[in-house]
C-alpha atoms as a PDB file:
ATOM      1  CA  MET A   1       7.904-174.786-198.379  1.00  0.00           C
ATOM      2  CA  ARG A   2      11.143-176.182-199.901  1.00  0.00           C
ATOM      3  CA  LEU A   3      14.582-174.765-197.581  1.00  0.00           C
ATOM      4  CA  LEU A   4      17.832-175.638-198.944  1.00  0.00           C
ATOM      5  CA  TYR A   5      20.135-176.207-195.529  1.00  0.00           C
ATOM      6  CA  ILE A   6      23.890-176.268-196.261  1.00  0.00           C
ATOM      7  CA  GLY A   7      26.029-176.917-193.091  1.00  0.00           C
ATOM      8  CA  ALA A   8      27.579-180.033-191.315  1.00  0.00           C
ATOM      9  CA  GLU A   9      25.495-183.275-190.848  1.00  0.00           C
ATOM     10  CA  SER A  10      26.292-183.333-187.692  1.00  0.00           C
ATOM     11  CA  GLY A  11      26.285-181.586-183.905  1.00  0.00           C
ATOM     12  CA  THR A  12      23.878-179.053-183.762  1.00  0.00           C
ATOM     13  CA  SER A  13      24.160-178.070-187.110  1.00  0.00           C
ATOM     14  CA  LEU A  14      22.293-181.044-187.879  1.00  0.00           C
ATOM     15  CA  GLN A  15      20.038-180.461-184.944  1.00  0.00           C
ATOM     16  CA  ARG A  16      18.850-177.159-186.603  1.00  0.00           C
ATOM     17  CA  ALA A  17      18.141-178.841-190.025  1.00  0.00           C
ATOM     18  CA  ALA A  18      16.106-181.432-188.218  1.00  0.00           C
ATOM     19  CA  ALA A  19      13.816-178.626-186.404  1.00  0.00           C
ATOM     20  CA  PHE A  20      12.991-176.936-189.746  1.00  0.00           C
ATOM     21  CA  GLY A  21      11.475-180.518-190.937  1.00  0.00           C
ATOM     22  CA  ARG A  22       9.869-181.124-187.621  1.00  0.00           C
ATOM     23  CA  ILE A  23       7.925-177.574-188.066  1.00  0.00           C
ATOM     24  CA  GLY A  24       7.100-178.392-191.662  1.00  0.00           C
ATOM     25  CA  LEU A  25       9.530-177.788-194.478  1.00  0.00           C
ATOM     26  CA  ASN A  26      10.954-179.760-196.871  1.00  0.00           C
ATOM     27  CA  VAL A  27      14.691-179.627-196.108  1.00  0.00           C
ATOM     28  CA  LEU A  28      17.534-180.948-198.778  1.00  0.00           C
ATOM     29  CA  HIS A  29      20.848-180.789-196.168  1.00  0.00           C
ATOM     30  CA  LEU A  30      24.019-180.747-197.951  1.00  0.00           C
ATOM     31  CA  SER A  31      27.194-180.804-196.160  1.00  0.00           C
ATOM     32  CA  PRO A  32      29.424-177.937-198.021  1.00  0.00           C
ATOM     33  CA  TYR A  33      32.843-179.703-196.186  1.00  0.00           C
ATOM     34  CA  ALA A  34      31.592-183.430-198.088  1.00  0.00           C
ATOM     35  CA  HIS A  35      33.043-181.155-201.345  1.00  0.00           C
ATOM     36  CA  LEU A  36      37.059-180.863-199.557  1.00  0.00           C
ATOM     37  CA  LEU A  37      39.839-183.145-199.778  1.00  0.00           C
ATOM     38  CA  PRO A  38      40.755-185.036-197.017  1.00  0.00           C
ATOM     39  CA  HIS A  39      44.066-183.351-196.894  1.00  0.00           C
ATOM     40  CA  TRP A  40      42.762-179.792-197.469  1.00  0.00           C
ATOM     41  CA  ALA A  41      41.418-179.292-193.788  1.00  0.00           C
ATOM     42  CA  PRO A  42      44.320-177.784-192.523  1.00  0.00           C
ATOM     43  CA  TRP A  43      44.014-174.816-194.606  1.00  0.00           C
ATOM     44  CA  LEU A  44      40.622-174.154-193.160  1.00  0.00           C
ATOM     45  CA  ASN A  45      42.356-171.932-190.449  1.00  0.00           C
ATOM     46  CA  ARG A  46      44.249-170.466-193.055  1.00  0.00           C
ATOM     47  CA  ALA A  47      42.290-167.600-195.062  1.00  0.00           C
ATOM     48  CA  GLY A  48      40.155-170.408-196.479  1.00  0.00           C
ATOM     49  CA  GLY A  49      43.402-172.338-198.391  1.00  0.00           C
ATOM     50  CA  PRO A  50      43.242-171.931-202.231  1.00  0.00           C
ATOM     51  CA  GLY A  51      40.520-173.095-204.434  1.00  0.00           C
ATOM     52  CA  ILE A  52      38.014-174.158-201.307  1.00  0.00           C
ATOM     53  CA  ASP A  53      35.561-171.647-202.386  1.00  0.00           C
ATOM     54  CA  ARG A  54      35.406-172.814-206.177  1.00  0.00           C
ATOM     55  CA  ARG A  55      35.684-176.433-205.003  1.00  0.00           C
ATOM     56  CA  VAL A  56      32.766-176.721-202.500  1.00  0.00           C
ATOM     57  CA  ALA A  57      30.757-174.258-204.814  1.00  0.00           C
ATOM     58  CA  ASN A  58      31.161-176.720-208.000  1.00  0.00           C
ATOM     59  CA  GLY A  59      30.409-179.564-205.499  1.00  0.00           C
ATOM     60  CA  LEU A  60      27.064-177.879-204.357  1.00  0.00           C
ATOM     61  CA  GLY A  61      26.014-177.243-208.012  1.00  0.00           C
ATOM     62  CA  ARG A  62      26.304-180.953-208.926  1.00  0.00           C
ATOM     63  CA  ARG A  63      23.839-181.901-206.068  1.00  0.00           C
ATOM     64  CA  ILE A  64      21.893-179.031-206.581  1.00  0.00           C
ATOM     65  CA  GLY A  65      20.884-179.662-209.868  1.00  0.00           C
ATOM     66  CA  ASP A  66      17.963-177.888-211.185  1.00  0.00           C
ATOM     67  CA  GLN A  67      16.505-177.977-208.026  1.00  0.00           C
ATOM     68  CA  HIS A  68      14.549-174.689-206.430  1.00  0.00           C
ATOM     69  CA  PHE A  69      13.595-173.732-202.815  1.00  0.00           C
ATOM     70  CA  ASP A  70      11.891-170.972-201.393  1.00  0.00           C
ATOM     71  CA  PHE A  71      15.201-170.268-199.337  1.00  0.00           C
ATOM     72  CA  ALA A  72      18.378-171.231-198.683  1.00  0.00           C
ATOM     73  CA  LEU A  73      20.118-171.344-194.909  1.00  0.00           C
ATOM     74  CA  VAL A  74      24.477-171.368-194.522  1.00  0.00           C
ATOM     75  CA  ASP A  75      24.519-172.892-190.834  1.00  0.00           C
ATOM     76  CA  CYS A  76      28.391-171.184-190.205  1.00  0.00           C
ATOM     77  CA  GLY A  77      29.795-170.446-193.730  1.00  0.00           C
ATOM     78  CA  ASP A  78      33.295-170.930-193.052  1.00  0.00           C
ATOM     79  CA  VAL A  79      33.913-172.413-196.389  1.00  0.00           C
ATOM     80  CA  VAL A  80      30.543-170.846-198.205  1.00  0.00           C
ATOM     81  CA  GLY A  81      32.607-167.880-200.333  1.00  0.00           C
ATOM     82  CA  PRO A  82      31.336-165.794-202.872  1.00  0.00           C
ATOM     83  CA  THR A  83      31.581-167.956-205.906  1.00  0.00           C
ATOM     84  CA  ALA A  84      29.026-170.739-203.555  1.00  0.00           C
ATOM     85  CA  MET A  85      27.089-167.934-202.510  1.00  0.00           C
ATOM     86  CA  ASN A  86      26.526-167.286-206.618  1.00  0.00           C
ATOM     87  CA  VAL A  87      25.375-171.123-207.300  1.00  0.00           C
ATOM     88  CA  ILE A  88      23.011-170.926-204.207  1.00  0.00           C
ATOM     89  CA  ARG A  89      21.386-167.328-205.276  1.00  0.00           C
ATOM     90  CA  THR A  90      20.635-169.555-208.653  1.00  0.00           C
ATOM     91  CA  THR A  91      18.291-171.904-206.592  1.00  0.00           C
ATOM     92  CA  ALA A  92      16.936-169.876-203.728  1.00  0.00           C
ATOM     93  CA  PRO A  93      16.021-166.351-203.704  1.00  0.00           C
ATOM     94  CA  ILE A  94      16.725-165.942-200.438  1.00  0.00           C
ATOM     95  CA  VAL A  95      19.950-166.562-198.536  1.00  0.00           C
ATOM     96  CA  VAL A  96      20.377-166.624-194.655  1.00  0.00           C
ATOM     97  CA  ASN A  97      23.604-167.396-192.725  1.00  0.00           C
ATOM     98  CA  TYR A  98      23.481-168.716-189.277  1.00  0.00           C
ATOM     99  CA  ASN A  99      26.975-168.631-187.272  1.00  0.00           C
ATOM    100  CA  ALA A 100      26.845-169.654-183.501  1.00  0.00           C
ATOM    101  CA  ASP A 101      30.300-168.221-183.491  1.00  0.00           C
ATOM    102  CA  ASN A 102      31.464-165.132-183.230  1.00  0.00           C
ATOM    103  CA  PRO A 103      33.704-164.288-186.723  1.00  0.00           C
ATOM    104  CA  TYR A 104      33.065-160.396-186.395  1.00  0.00           C
ATOM    105  CA  LEU A 105      36.054-159.661-183.841  1.00  0.00           C
ATOM    106  CA  ASP A 106      38.335-156.740-185.046  1.00  0.00           C
ATOM    107  CA  PRO A 107      40.715-158.176-184.719  1.00  0.00           C
ATOM    108  CA  SER A 108      39.799-161.434-184.620  1.00  0.00           C
ATOM    109  CA  PRO A 109      41.652-164.112-182.755  1.00  0.00           C
ATOM    110  CA  GLU A 110      40.809-166.807-185.490  1.00  0.00           C
ATOM    111  CA  ARG A 111      40.793-164.235-188.230  1.00  0.00           C
ATOM    112  CA  LEU A 112      42.578-166.503-191.101  1.00  0.00           C
ATOM    113  CA  ARG A 113      39.194-169.289-190.146  1.00  0.00           C
ATOM    114  CA  TRP A 114      36.797-166.916-191.409  1.00  0.00           C
ATOM    115  CA  GLY A 115      38.056-164.930-194.359  1.00  0.00           C
ATOM    116  CA  ILE A 116      35.712-167.125-196.767  1.00  0.00           C
ATOM    117  CA  LEU A 117      32.924-165.916-194.314  1.00  0.00           C
ATOM    118  CA  HIS A 118      33.780-162.222-194.234  1.00  0.00           C
ATOM    119  CA  ARG A 119      34.080-162.264-198.542  1.00  0.00           C
ATOM    120  CA  ALA A 120      30.480-163.696-198.389  1.00  0.00           C
ATOM    121  CA  LEU A 121      28.728-161.551-196.043  1.00  0.00           C
ATOM    122  CA  PRO A 122      27.381-159.070-197.880  1.00  0.00           C
ATOM    123  CA  HIS A 123      25.602-161.297-200.319  1.00  0.00           C
ATOM    124  CA  TYR A 124      23.437-162.968-197.512  1.00  0.00           C
ATOM    125  CA  ASP A 125      20.060-161.769-197.531  1.00  0.00           C
ATOM    126  CA  LEU A 126      19.746-162.335-193.499  1.00  0.00           C
ATOM    127  CA  VAL A 127      22.293-163.038-191.225  1.00  0.00           C
ATOM    128  CA  ILE A 128      21.388-164.521-187.724  1.00  0.00           C
ATOM    129  CA  THR A 129      24.185-164.383-184.372  1.00  0.00           C
ATOM    130  CA  VAL A 130      24.041-165.095-180.781  1.00  0.00           C
ATOM    131  CA  ARG A 131      23.853-161.867-178.800  1.00  0.00           C
ATOM    132  CA  ARG A 132      27.363-160.019-177.570  1.00  0.00           C
ATOM    133  CA  ASP A 133      27.541-156.817-176.731  1.00  0.00           C
ATOM    134  CA  GLY A 134      28.312-154.613-179.773  1.00  0.00           C
ATOM    135  CA  ILE A 135      27.733-157.425-182.336  1.00  0.00           C
ATOM    136  CA  GLU A 136      25.742-155.431-184.804  1.00  0.00           C
ATOM    137  CA  GLU A 137      27.602-152.798-185.182  1.00  0.00           C
ATOM    138  CA  MET A 138      30.377-155.403-185.571  1.00  0.00           C
ATOM    139  CA  MET A 139      28.643-157.221-188.276  1.00  0.00           C
ATOM    140  CA  ALA A 140      27.306-154.025-189.926  1.00  0.00           C
ATOM    141  CA  ARG A 141      30.987-152.982-190.198  1.00  0.00           C
ATOM    142  CA  ARG A 142      31.560-156.368-192.159  1.00  0.00           C
ATOM    143  CA  GLY A 143      28.884-156.021-194.528  1.00  0.00           C
ATOM    144  CA  ALA A 144      26.283-157.773-192.989  1.00  0.00           C
ATOM    145  CA  ARG A 145      22.660-155.724-194.465  1.00  0.00           C
ATOM    146  CA  ARG A 146      20.212-157.201-192.364  1.00  0.00           C
ATOM    147  CA  ILE A 147      20.910-158.853-188.815  1.00  0.00           C
ATOM    148  CA  ASP A 148      19.109-160.541-186.044  1.00  0.00           C
ATOM    149  CA  ALA A 149      20.637-161.462-182.617  1.00  0.00           C
ATOM    150  CA  ILE A 150      19.566-164.282-180.914  1.00  0.00           C
ATOM    151  CA  TRP A 151      19.863-166.623-177.758  1.00  0.00           C
ATOM    152  CA  GLN A 152      21.731-169.812-178.345  1.00  0.00           C
ATOM    153  CA  CYS A 153      19.151-172.728-178.392  1.00  0.00           C
ATOM    154  CA  ALA A 154      18.789-176.479-176.619  1.00  0.00           C
ATOM    155  CA  ASP A 155      16.660-178.531-179.200  1.00  0.00           C
ATOM    156  CA  GLU A 156      13.232-180.087-178.650  1.00  0.00           C
ATOM    157  CA  VAL A 157      13.880-183.386-179.231  1.00  0.00           C
ATOM    158  CA  VAL A 158      17.743-184.286-178.372  1.00  0.00           C
ATOM    159  CA  HIS A 159      17.663-182.074-175.236  1.00  0.00           C
ATOM    160  CA  ARG A 160      14.833-183.379-173.855  1.00  0.00           C
ATOM    161  CA  PRO A 161      15.089-184.894-170.299  1.00  0.00           C
ATOM    162  CA  PRO A 162      15.912-188.696-170.780  1.00  0.00           C
ATOM    163  CA  SER A 163      14.465-191.493-168.764  1.00  0.00           C
ATOM    164  CA  LEU A 164      17.805-193.155-167.934  1.00  0.00           C
ATOM    165  CA  THR A 165      17.934-197.161-167.060  1.00  0.00           C
ATOM    166  CA  LEU A 166      19.749-198.053-163.983  1.00  0.00           C
ATOM    167  CA  GLU A 167      22.557-199.138-165.886  1.00  0.00           C
ATOM    168  CA  GLU A 168      22.781-195.515-167.650  1.00  0.00           C
ATOM    169  CA  LYS A 169      22.849-193.908-163.912  1.00  0.00           C
ATOM    170  CA  SER A 170      25.610-195.816-163.061  1.00  0.00           C
ATOM    171  CA  ARG A 171      27.273-195.187-165.566  1.00  0.00           C
ATOM    172  CA  CYS A 172      26.262-191.736-166.033  1.00  0.00           C
ATOM    173  CA  SER A 173      26.044-190.767-162.589  1.00  0.00           C
ATOM    174  CA  SER A 174      28.348-187.512-161.638  1.00  0.00           C
ATOM    175  CA  GLU A 175      28.314-184.446-158.520  1.00  0.00           C
ATOM    176  CA  VAL A 176      29.096-181.854-160.638  1.00  0.00           C
ATOM    177  CA  LEU A 177      29.882-182.184-164.483  1.00  0.00           C
ATOM    178  CA  PHE A 178      31.326-180.193-166.969  1.00  0.00           C
ATOM    179  CA  VAL A 179      31.246-180.710-171.039  1.00  0.00           C
ATOM    180  CA  GLY A 180      33.626-178.900-173.127  1.00  0.00           C
ATOM    181  CA  THR A 181      36.654-178.694-174.660  1.00  0.00           C
ATOM    182  CA  TRP A 182      39.698-177.338-173.372  1.00  0.00           C
ATOM    183  CA  MET A 183      40.862-173.716-173.433  1.00  0.00           C
ATOM    184  CA  PRO A 184      43.437-171.597-171.620  1.00  0.00           C
ATOM    185  CA  GLY A 185      42.442-170.974-168.256  1.00  0.00           C
ATOM    186  CA  ARG A 186      39.635-173.968-168.020  1.00  0.00           C
ATOM    187  CA  GLY A 187      42.637-175.919-166.739  1.00  0.00           C
ATOM    188  CA  ALA A 188      43.638-173.773-163.760  1.00  0.00           C
ATOM    189  CA  PHE A 189      39.858-173.506-163.288  1.00  0.00           C
ATOM    190  CA  MET A 190      39.279-176.918-162.723  1.00  0.00           C
ATOM    191  CA  ALA A 191      42.478-177.399-160.472  1.00  0.00           C
ATOM    192  CA  ARG A 192      40.977-174.869-158.321  1.00  0.00           C
ATOM    193  CA  LEU A 193      38.024-176.911-158.227  1.00  0.00           C
ATOM    194  CA  ILE A 194      39.929-179.982-156.921  1.00  0.00           C
ATOM    195  CA  GLU A 195      41.974-177.746-154.393  1.00  0.00           C
ATOM    196  CA  ARG A 196      38.665-176.576-153.245  1.00  0.00           C
ATOM    197  CA  GLY A 197      37.281-180.658-152.948  1.00  0.00           C
ATOM    198  CA  VAL A 198      34.782-180.122-155.332  1.00  0.00           C
ATOM    199  CA  PRO A 199      33.752-183.748-156.894  1.00  0.00           C
ATOM    200  CA  PHE A 200      33.451-183.414-160.675  1.00  0.00           C
ATOM    201  CA  ALA A 201      33.598-184.900-164.059  1.00  0.00           C
ATOM    202  CA  ILE A 202      34.477-183.748-167.121  1.00  0.00           C
ATOM    203  CA  HIS A 203      34.127-184.612-170.708  1.00  0.00           C
ATOM    204  CA  GLY A 204      35.633-182.916-173.844  1.00  0.00           C
ATOM    205  CA  SER A 205      38.482-182.758-176.761  1.00  0.00           C
ATOM    206  CA  ARG A 206      42.087-181.526-175.857  1.00  0.00           C
ATOM    207  CA  TRP A 207      42.279-181.107-172.328  1.00  0.00           C
ATOM    208  CA  GLN A 208      45.697-183.583-172.862  1.00  0.00           C
ATOM    209  CA  ARG A 209      46.825-179.950-173.731  1.00  0.00           C
ATOM    210  CA  ALA A 210      46.321-178.484-170.164  1.00  0.00           C
ATOM    211  CA  PRO A 211      49.367-177.546-168.203  1.00  0.00           C
ATOM    212  CA  GLU A 212      47.560-179.193-164.980  1.00  0.00           C
ATOM    213  CA  TYR A 213      46.533-182.277-167.605  1.00  0.00           C
ATOM    214  CA  ARG A 214      48.302-184.806-164.790  1.00  0.00           C
ATOM    215  CA  LEU A 215      45.757-183.267-162.054  1.00  0.00           C
ATOM    216  CA  LEU A 216      42.812-183.677-164.272  1.00  0.00           C
ATOM    217  CA  ARG A 217      43.466-186.654-165.805  1.00  0.00           C
ATOM    218  CA  PRO A 218      41.695-188.791-163.155  1.00  0.00           C
ATOM    219  CA  PHE A 219      38.342-186.727-163.553  1.00  0.00           C
ATOM    220  CA  ILE A 220      38.499-186.948-167.412  1.00  0.00           C
ATOM    221  CA  ARG A 221      36.093-189.309-168.479  1.00  0.00           C
ATOM    222  CA  SER A 222      35.613-189.468-172.046  1.00  0.00           C
ATOM    223  CA  ASP A 223      36.142-187.022-175.420  1.00  0.00           C
ATOM    224  CA  HIS A 224      34.281-184.993-177.332  1.00  0.00           C
ATOM    225  CA  LEU A 225      29.952-186.094-176.341  1.00  0.00           C
ATOM    226  CA  GLU A 226      27.221-185.292-178.767  1.00  0.00           C
ATOM    227  CA  GLY A 227      23.621-186.430-179.210  1.00  0.00           C
ATOM    228  CA  ALA A 228      22.300-188.862-177.014  1.00  0.00           C
ATOM    229  CA  ASP A 229      25.493-189.610-175.349  1.00  0.00           C
ATOM    230  CA  TYR A 230      26.124-185.484-174.671  1.00  0.00           C
ATOM    231  CA  THR A 231      22.249-185.499-172.940  1.00  0.00           C
ATOM    232  CA  ARG A 232      22.529-188.713-170.783  1.00  0.00           C
ATOM    233  CA  ALA A 233      26.024-187.459-169.537  1.00  0.00           C
ATOM    234  CA  ILE A 234      24.119-184.293-168.643  1.00  0.00           C
ATOM    235  CA  ALA A 235      21.490-185.745-166.930  1.00  0.00           C
ATOM    236  CA  GLY A 236      22.927-187.832-164.889  1.00  0.00           C
ATOM    237  CA  ALA A 237      24.687-184.986-163.150  1.00  0.00           C
ATOM    238  CA  LYS A 238      23.332-183.271-159.614  1.00  0.00           C
ATOM    239  CA  ILE A 239      24.970-179.931-161.280  1.00  0.00           C
ATOM    240  CA  GLY A 240      26.690-178.873-164.543  1.00  0.00           C
ATOM    241  CA  LEU A 241      28.680-175.848-165.177  1.00  0.00           C
ATOM    242  CA  VAL A 242      28.923-173.364-167.399  1.00  0.00           C
ATOM    243  CA  LEU A 243      32.186-171.606-168.602  1.00  0.00           C
ATOM    244  CA  LEU A 244      32.460-169.381-171.273  1.00  0.00           C
ATOM    245  CA  ASN A 245      34.889-168.371-174.061  1.00  0.00           C
ATOM    246  CA  GLY A 246      36.528-165.398-173.467  1.00  0.00           C
ATOM    247  CA  GLN A 247      38.055-164.522-176.679  1.00  0.00           C
ATOM    248  CA  ASN A 248      34.525-165.106-178.547  1.00  0.00           C
ATOM    249  CA  ALA A 249      32.895-162.575-175.910  1.00  0.00           C
ATOM    250  CA  ASP A 250      30.458-164.924-175.004  1.00  0.00           C
ATOM    251  CA  LEU A 251      27.963-163.992-172.018  1.00  0.00           C
ATOM    252  CA  HIS A 252      25.890-166.705-172.865  1.00  0.00           C
ATOM    253  CA  THR A 253      26.670-170.249-174.215  1.00  0.00           C
ATOM    254  CA  THR A 254      24.644-173.536-176.149  1.00  0.00           C
ATOM    255  CA  ARG A 255      25.017-174.921-172.539  1.00  0.00           C
ATOM    256  CA  SER A 256      22.962-171.986-170.861  1.00  0.00           C
ATOM    257  CA  ALA A 257      19.950-173.507-172.851  1.00  0.00           C
ATOM    258  CA  GLU A 258      20.870-177.082-172.853  1.00  0.00           C
ATOM    259  CA  ILE A 259      21.256-177.954-169.152  1.00  0.00           C
ATOM    260  CA  PRO A 260      18.430-176.614-168.085  1.00  0.00           C
ATOM    261  CA  ALA A 261      16.522-178.172-171.114  1.00  0.00           C
ATOM    262  CA  ILE A 262      17.942-181.388-170.136  1.00  0.00           C
ATOM    263  CA  GLY A 263      16.829-181.155-166.495  1.00  0.00           C
ATOM    264  CA  THR A 264      19.455-180.237-164.544  1.00  0.00           C
ATOM    265  CA  ALA A 265      20.594-178.005-162.153  1.00  0.00           C
ATOM    266  CA  MET A 266      22.598-175.505-163.783  1.00  0.00           C
ATOM    267  CA  CYS A 267      25.860-173.373-162.467  1.00  0.00           C
ATOM    268  CA  ALA A 268      27.168-170.912-164.480  1.00  0.00           C
ATOM    269  CA  ALA A 269      29.105-167.598-165.019  1.00  0.00           C
ATOM    270  CA  ARG A 270      27.241-164.495-163.308  1.00  0.00           C
ATOM    271  CA  THR A 271      26.673-162.196-166.706  1.00  0.00           C
ATOM    272  CA  PRO A 272      24.058-160.159-167.613  1.00  0.00           C
ATOM    273  CA  HIS A 273      22.894-162.655-170.065  1.00  0.00           C
ATOM    274  CA  HIS A 274      22.303-165.378-167.617  1.00  0.00           C
ATOM    275  CA  GLN A 275      20.799-162.971-165.515  1.00  0.00           C
ATOM    276  CA  GLN A 276      18.002-162.250-167.819  1.00  0.00           C
ATOM    277  CA  LEU A 277      17.682-165.851-168.818  1.00  0.00           C
ATOM    278  CA  TYR A 278      17.116-167.164-165.382  1.00  0.00           C
ATOM    279  CA  LYS A 279      16.678-165.558-162.038  1.00  0.00           C
ATOM    280  CA  GLU A 280      19.355-166.169-159.679  1.00  0.00           C
ATOM    281  CA  GLY A 281      19.526-168.859-156.938  1.00  0.00           C
ATOM    282  CA  GLU A 282      15.697-169.961-157.682  1.00  0.00           C
ATOM    283  CA  GLU A 283      16.341-171.123-161.671  1.00  0.00           C
ATOM    284  CA  ALA A 284      19.862-171.333-161.598  1.00  0.00           C
ATOM    285  CA  VAL A 285      23.243-170.442-159.545  1.00  0.00           C
ATOM    286  CA  PHE A 286      25.910-168.184-160.686  1.00  0.00           C
ATOM    287  CA  PHE A 287      29.348-167.613-159.810  1.00  0.00           C
ATOM    288  CA  ASP A 288      32.450-165.229-160.137  1.00  0.00           C
ATOM    289  CA  GLY A 289      35.576-167.422-160.404  1.00  0.00           C
ATOM    290  CA  ALA A 290      36.740-170.364-159.309  1.00  0.00           C
ATOM    291  CA  ASP A 291      36.403-170.169-155.347  1.00  0.00           C
ATOM    292  CA  ASP A 292      32.708-168.671-155.973  1.00  0.00           C
ATOM    293  CA  CYS A 293      31.640-171.472-158.020  1.00  0.00           C
ATOM    294  CA  ALA A 294      33.413-174.297-155.680  1.00  0.00           C
ATOM    295  CA  GLN A 295      31.536-172.742-152.715  1.00  0.00           C
ATOM    296  CA  THR A 296      28.297-172.607-154.420  1.00  0.00           C
ATOM    297  CA  CYS A 297      28.481-176.192-155.789  1.00  0.00           C
ATOM    298  CA  LYS A 298      29.237-177.247-152.503  1.00  0.00           C
ATOM    299  CA  ARG A 299      26.165-175.542-150.651  1.00  0.00           C
ATOM    300  CA  LEU A 300      24.162-177.057-153.581  1.00  0.00           C
ATOM    301  CA  LEU A 301      25.089-180.581-153.267  1.00  0.00           C
ATOM    302  CA  ALA A 302      24.159-180.856-149.752  1.00  0.00           C
ATOM    303  CA  ASP A 303      20.687-179.507-150.053  1.00  0.00           C
ATOM    304  CA  ASP A 304      18.955-181.786-152.637  1.00  0.00           C
ATOM    305  CA  ARG A 305      15.554-180.718-152.153  1.00  0.00           C
ATOM    306  CA  ARG A 306      16.951-176.898-153.164  1.00  0.00           C
ATOM    307  CA  ARG A 307      18.843-178.414-156.026  1.00  0.00           C
ATOM    308  CA  GLN A 308      16.017-180.428-157.500  1.00  0.00           C
ATOM    309  CA  THR A 309      13.862-176.916-157.204  1.00  0.00           C
ATOM    310  CA  ILE A 310      16.140-174.987-159.351  1.00  0.00           C
ATOM    311  CA  ALA A 311      16.563-177.799-161.779  1.00  0.00           C
ATOM    312  CA  ASP A 312      12.793-178.257-162.221  1.00  0.00           C
ATOM    313  CA  ALA A 313      12.156-174.239-162.641  1.00  0.00           C
ATOM    314  CA  GLY A 314      15.262-173.700-164.873  1.00  0.00           C
ATOM    315  CA  HIS A 315      13.947-176.151-167.121  1.00  0.00           C
ATOM    316  CA  ARG A 316      10.432-174.594-167.003  1.00  0.00           C
ATOM    317  CA  ARG A 317      12.044-171.084-167.547  1.00  0.00           C
ATOM    318  CA  THR A 318      13.524-172.357-170.994  1.00  0.00           C
ATOM    319  CA  PHE A 319       9.770-172.589-172.409  1.00  0.00           C
ATOM    320  CA  ALA A 320       9.115-169.389-171.075  1.00  0.00           C
ATOM    321  CA  ASN A 321      12.520-168.091-172.895  1.00  0.00           C
ATOM    322  CA  GLY A 322      11.773-170.176-176.179  1.00  0.00           C
ATOM    323  CA  THR A 323      15.558-171.137-176.463  1.00  0.00           C
ATOM    324  CA  TYR A 324      14.665-173.809-178.610  1.00  0.00           C
ATOM    325  CA  ASN A 325      15.256-174.775-181.914  1.00  0.00           C
ATOM    326  CA  GLU A 326      11.653-174.927-183.135  1.00  0.00           C
ATOM    327  CA  VAL A 327      11.286-171.584-182.242  1.00  0.00           C
ATOM    328  CA  LEU A 328      14.445-170.280-184.110  1.00  0.00           C
ATOM    329  CA  ALA A 329      13.054-172.264-187.216  1.00  0.00           C
ATOM    330  CA  ARG A 330       9.616-170.527-186.721  1.00  0.00           C
ATOM    331  CA  ARG A 331      11.454-167.365-186.619  1.00  0.00           C
ATOM    332  CA  ILE A 332      13.325-167.248-189.552  1.00  0.00           C
ATOM    333  CA  VAL A 333      10.794-168.785-191.674  1.00  0.00           C
ATOM    334  CA  GLN A 334       8.887-166.075-190.128  1.00  0.00           C
ATOM    335  CA  GLN A 335      11.351-163.340-191.244  1.00  0.00           C
ATOM    336  CA  VAL A 336      11.996-164.783-195.061  1.00  0.00           C
ATOM    337  CA  ALA A 337       8.054-164.422-195.546  1.00  0.00           C
ATOM    338  CA  ASP A 338       8.440-160.997-194.755  1.00  0.00           C
ATOM    339  CA  MET A 339      11.435-160.020-197.175  1.00  0.00           C
ATOM    340  CA  LYS A 340       9.916-162.229-199.699  1.00  0.00           C
ATOM    341  CA  HIS A 341       6.426-159.713-199.136  1.00  0.00           C
ATOM    342  CA  GLY A 342       8.432-156.614-199.141  1.00  0.00           C
ATOM    343  CA  GLY A 343      11.274-157.652-201.511  1.00  0.00           C
ATOM    344  CA  VAL A 344      14.950-158.564-200.682  1.00  0.00           C
ATOM    345  CA  ARG A 345      16.870-156.232-202.183  1.00  0.00           C
END
């Protein structure tokens, strides 16, 4: 089975493309961003910018040539518009979109960024989205025809529990760890943990924008992490924190799958999704607000045996949940096969 995979050649997009290869597909992975000029980047948050769809379409057309595929998958889709979809459609009879973000909110806080995707949405045969309250209704209003809502996933290879060397254990060791980008409200949350005496470390970008940056700076260890560096940092922590993006209406996130997959005890915001995915107090611990988080983390740090028991149980639960990229890839392939058998249109 041949797959045309159109998405960033980094981060979780690259991980998903590799998962399709591991389950036996012949994957051609093309980045749509490779066809954009560097000075066009600021336009990506301004209704797609003039000519981006056409430029991506022309670039993909040159790279694809006369090749044919069983289906195509567009990861994200923020620069793949109707013109590019016409090019993709000539080479693949079924086109799928996967988007882990939430471009369907109305009004959306990132409305301009998702202009191209909104125009292309009715052209997809299947749209994969992350579970959120009311998400399918929002997508249908924007023109999505066939929708599949899934849990966020970890990767079987990238997020496998690593065997850290003594040097890596020393360098990556932390008590409570948060890996993620600064967003409004997160600085105040972390500042409260400091006030409550929680020993923690931060890896992530844009933290210099936090009003509390001067207070937080001693706790910030690095900028953005991904791949093996990301996994080692989480593996070196006693507790991994999960904070949610309220603007996206998130009730769980990639960290919700990745931290337990890596084998670290997870402390996450208490939401219906987290409570559905993990048994509270047995496979993960949850909190309501910064003060509750601080108290929960300090209790868990003081009890090594309980913390390790929770970490081990949470790791096992990820397999029962099926929150992995290869599981997702097989699910998509099965739906493509069903559409081929029953006819797409």
